[in-house]
Structures are given as C-alpha cells and as structure tokens.
C-alpha atoms as a PDB file:
ATOM      1  CA  MET A   1     -16.062 -23.547 -18.309  1.00  0.00           C
ATOM      2  CA  LEU A   2     -16.335 -19.599 -18.817  1.00  0.00           C
ATOM      3  CA  GLU A   3     -18.775 -18.072 -20.995  1.00  0.00           C
ATOM      4  CA  LEU A   4     -18.445 -14.710 -22.716  1.00  0.00           C
ATOM      5  CA  ASP A   5     -21.233 -12.723 -24.903  1.00  0.00           C
ATOM      6  CA  LEU A   6     -19.395 -10.742 -27.820  1.00  0.00           C
ATOM      7  CA  ARG A   7     -22.741 -10.132 -29.658  1.00  0.00           C
ATOM      8  CA  ALA A   8     -22.932  -6.313 -28.309  1.00  0.00           C
ATOM      9  CA  TYR A   9     -19.124  -5.372 -29.417  1.00  0.00           C
ATOM     10  CA  LYS A  10     -18.541  -4.115 -32.448  1.00  0.00           C
ATOM     11  CA  CYS A  11     -14.948  -4.295 -33.906  1.00  0.00           C
ATOM     12  CA  PRO A  12     -12.298  -3.518 -32.325  1.00  0.00           C
ATOM     13  CA  GLN A  13     -14.273  -4.088 -29.322  1.00  0.00           C
ATOM     14  CA  GLN A  14     -14.964  -7.178 -30.050  1.00  0.00           C
ATOM     15  CA  PHE A  15     -11.615  -8.333 -30.392  1.00  0.00           C
ATOM     16  CA  ILE A  16     -10.336  -6.571 -27.375  1.00  0.00           C
ATOM     17  CA  GLN A  17     -13.081  -8.374 -25.642  1.00  0.00           C
ATOM     18  CA  PHE A  18     -11.948 -11.774 -26.803  1.00  0.00           C
ATOM     19  CA  LYS A  19      -8.542 -11.384 -25.913  1.00  0.00           C
ATOM     20  CA  LEU A  20      -9.570 -10.066 -22.189  1.00  0.00           C
ATOM     21  CA  GLY A  21     -11.953 -13.304 -22.199  1.00  0.00           C
ATOM     22  CA  LEU A  22      -9.129 -15.592 -23.534  1.00  0.00           C
ATOM     23  CA  ARG A  23      -6.745 -14.082 -20.779  1.00  0.00           C
ATOM     24  CA  GLU A  24      -9.079 -14.924 -17.753  1.00  0.00           C
ATOM     25  CA  ALA A  25      -9.510 -18.215 -19.502  1.00  0.00           C
ATOM     26  CA  ILE A  26      -5.950 -18.996 -19.272  1.00  0.00           C
ATOM     27  CA  SER A  27      -5.436 -17.895 -15.981  1.00  0.00           C
ATOM     28  CA  LEU A  28      -8.253 -19.787 -14.942  1.00  0.00           C
ATOM     29  CA  LYS A  29      -7.567 -23.049 -17.117  1.00  0.00           C
ATOM     30  CA  GLN A  30     -10.409 -23.265 -18.218  1.00  0.00           C
ATOM     31  CA  ALA A  31     -11.929 -23.388 -21.816  1.00  0.00           C
ATOM     32  CA  ILE A  32     -14.225 -20.640 -22.795  1.00  0.00           C
ATOM     33  CA  THR A  33     -16.984 -20.140 -25.106  1.00  0.00           C
ATOM     34  CA  PHE A  34     -17.860 -16.838 -26.572  1.00  0.00           C
ATOM     35  CA  ASN A  35     -21.173 -16.005 -28.115  1.00  0.00           C
ATOM     36  CA  ILE A  36     -20.879 -14.315 -31.333  1.00  0.00           C
ATOM     37  CA  SER A  37     -23.199 -12.555 -33.745  1.00  0.00           C
ATOM     38  CA  SER A  38     -23.335 -14.297 -37.266  1.00  0.00           C
ATOM     39  CA  GLU A  39     -23.360 -11.008 -39.296  1.00  0.00           C
ATOM     40  CA  GLN A  40     -20.007 -10.163 -37.490  1.00  0.00           C
ATOM     41  CA  ASN A  41     -16.797 -10.849 -39.175  1.00  0.00           C
ATOM     42  CA  THR A  42     -14.200 -13.384 -36.968  1.00  0.00           C
ATOM     43  CA  ASP A  43     -11.327 -13.151 -39.301  1.00  0.00           C
ATOM     44  CA  ASP A  44      -9.190 -11.202 -36.934  1.00  0.00           C
ATOM     45  CA  ILE A  45     -10.628 -13.771 -33.888  1.00  0.00           C
ATOM     46  CA  GLU A  46      -9.626 -16.766 -36.074  1.00  0.00           C
ATOM     47  CA  ARG A  47      -6.302 -15.660 -37.530  1.00  0.00           C
ATOM     48  CA  TYR A  48      -5.262 -14.735 -34.072  1.00  0.00           C
ATOM     49  CA  LEU A  49      -6.450 -17.953 -32.720  1.00  0.00           C
ATOM     50  CA  GLN A  50      -4.209 -20.015 -35.444  1.00  0.00           C
ATOM     51  CA  LYS A  51      -1.108 -18.038 -35.065  1.00  0.00           C
ATOM     52  CA  LYS A  52      -1.066 -19.048 -31.421  1.00  0.00           C
ATOM     53  CA  MET A  53      -1.764 -22.279 -31.843  1.00  0.00           C
ATOM     54  CA  TYR A  54      -4.942 -22.504 -29.531  1.00  0.00           C
ATOM     55  CA  TYR A  55      -7.726 -25.102 -30.439  1.00  0.00           C
ATOM     56  CA  TYR A  56     -10.776 -24.172 -31.449  1.00  0.00           C
ATOM     57  CA  LYS A  57     -14.085 -24.999 -33.126  1.00  0.00           C
ATOM     58  CA  LEU A  58     -16.575 -21.921 -34.610  1.00  0.00           C
ATOM     59  CA  ASN A  59     -19.999 -22.812 -35.259  1.00  0.00           C
ATOM     60  CA  LYS A  60     -21.238 -20.280 -37.050  1.00  0.00           C
ATOM     61  CA  GLN A  61     -24.815 -22.115 -37.486  1.00  0.00           C
ATOM     62  CA  GLN A  62     -25.155 -21.663 -33.660  1.00  0.00           C
ATOM     63  CA  ALA A  63     -22.801 -18.264 -33.585  1.00  0.00           C
ATOM     64  CA  LEU A  64     -20.718 -20.029 -30.974  1.00  0.00           C
ATOM     65  CA  LEU A  65     -16.683 -19.901 -30.381  1.00  0.00           C
ATOM     66  CA  LEU A  66     -15.371 -22.602 -28.505  1.00  0.00           C
ATOM     67  CA  VAL A  67     -11.701 -22.272 -27.599  1.00  0.00           C
ATOM     68  CA  GLU A  68      -9.460 -24.470 -25.505  1.00  0.00           C
ATOM     69  CA  PRO A  69      -6.240 -22.196 -24.894  1.00  0.00           C
ATOM     70  CA  LEU A  70      -4.235 -25.251 -22.623  1.00  0.00           C
ATOM     71  CA  ARG A  71      -4.938 -27.782 -25.252  1.00  0.00           C
ATOM     72  CA  VAL A  72      -1.874 -29.464 -27.671  1.00  0.00           C
END
C-alpha cells in the first residue's frame, strides 16, 4: 500500500498532489493512504472520488483518507 502526506500542502497544491498520488496508485494497482490536515477542507477531493466512483474511507479524526481505486 502506498502512502502520501498531504499535510504540508494547501489548496490547490493539495489537490494536485492528491491526483498525482492517485495516478501512481492506479498505475501500480495498489491502494493508497493520504495523510491530511484535519483543518483543511477536503470537499474537492471527496467530490472527485465520488465522481470517479472510487471506493474510499475518510477518517477525519485520524486525518486519514484511504482510497482503493481498483475496487468496484
């Protein structure tokens, strides 16, 4: 499983790094965990995942986002 820390980024860099990490996970056929800041808004990321119908779990208390792009 891949892991990417997005806490150092602010929007729009956070979203760009998210998409790059997701692209890498898809090419390697792996799930990816993103470390996110609990203060930052993740609405854009969630809308993108819903639009693409990716399976994901967002845990705001632990500031973790798990995405399984190949799961149907």
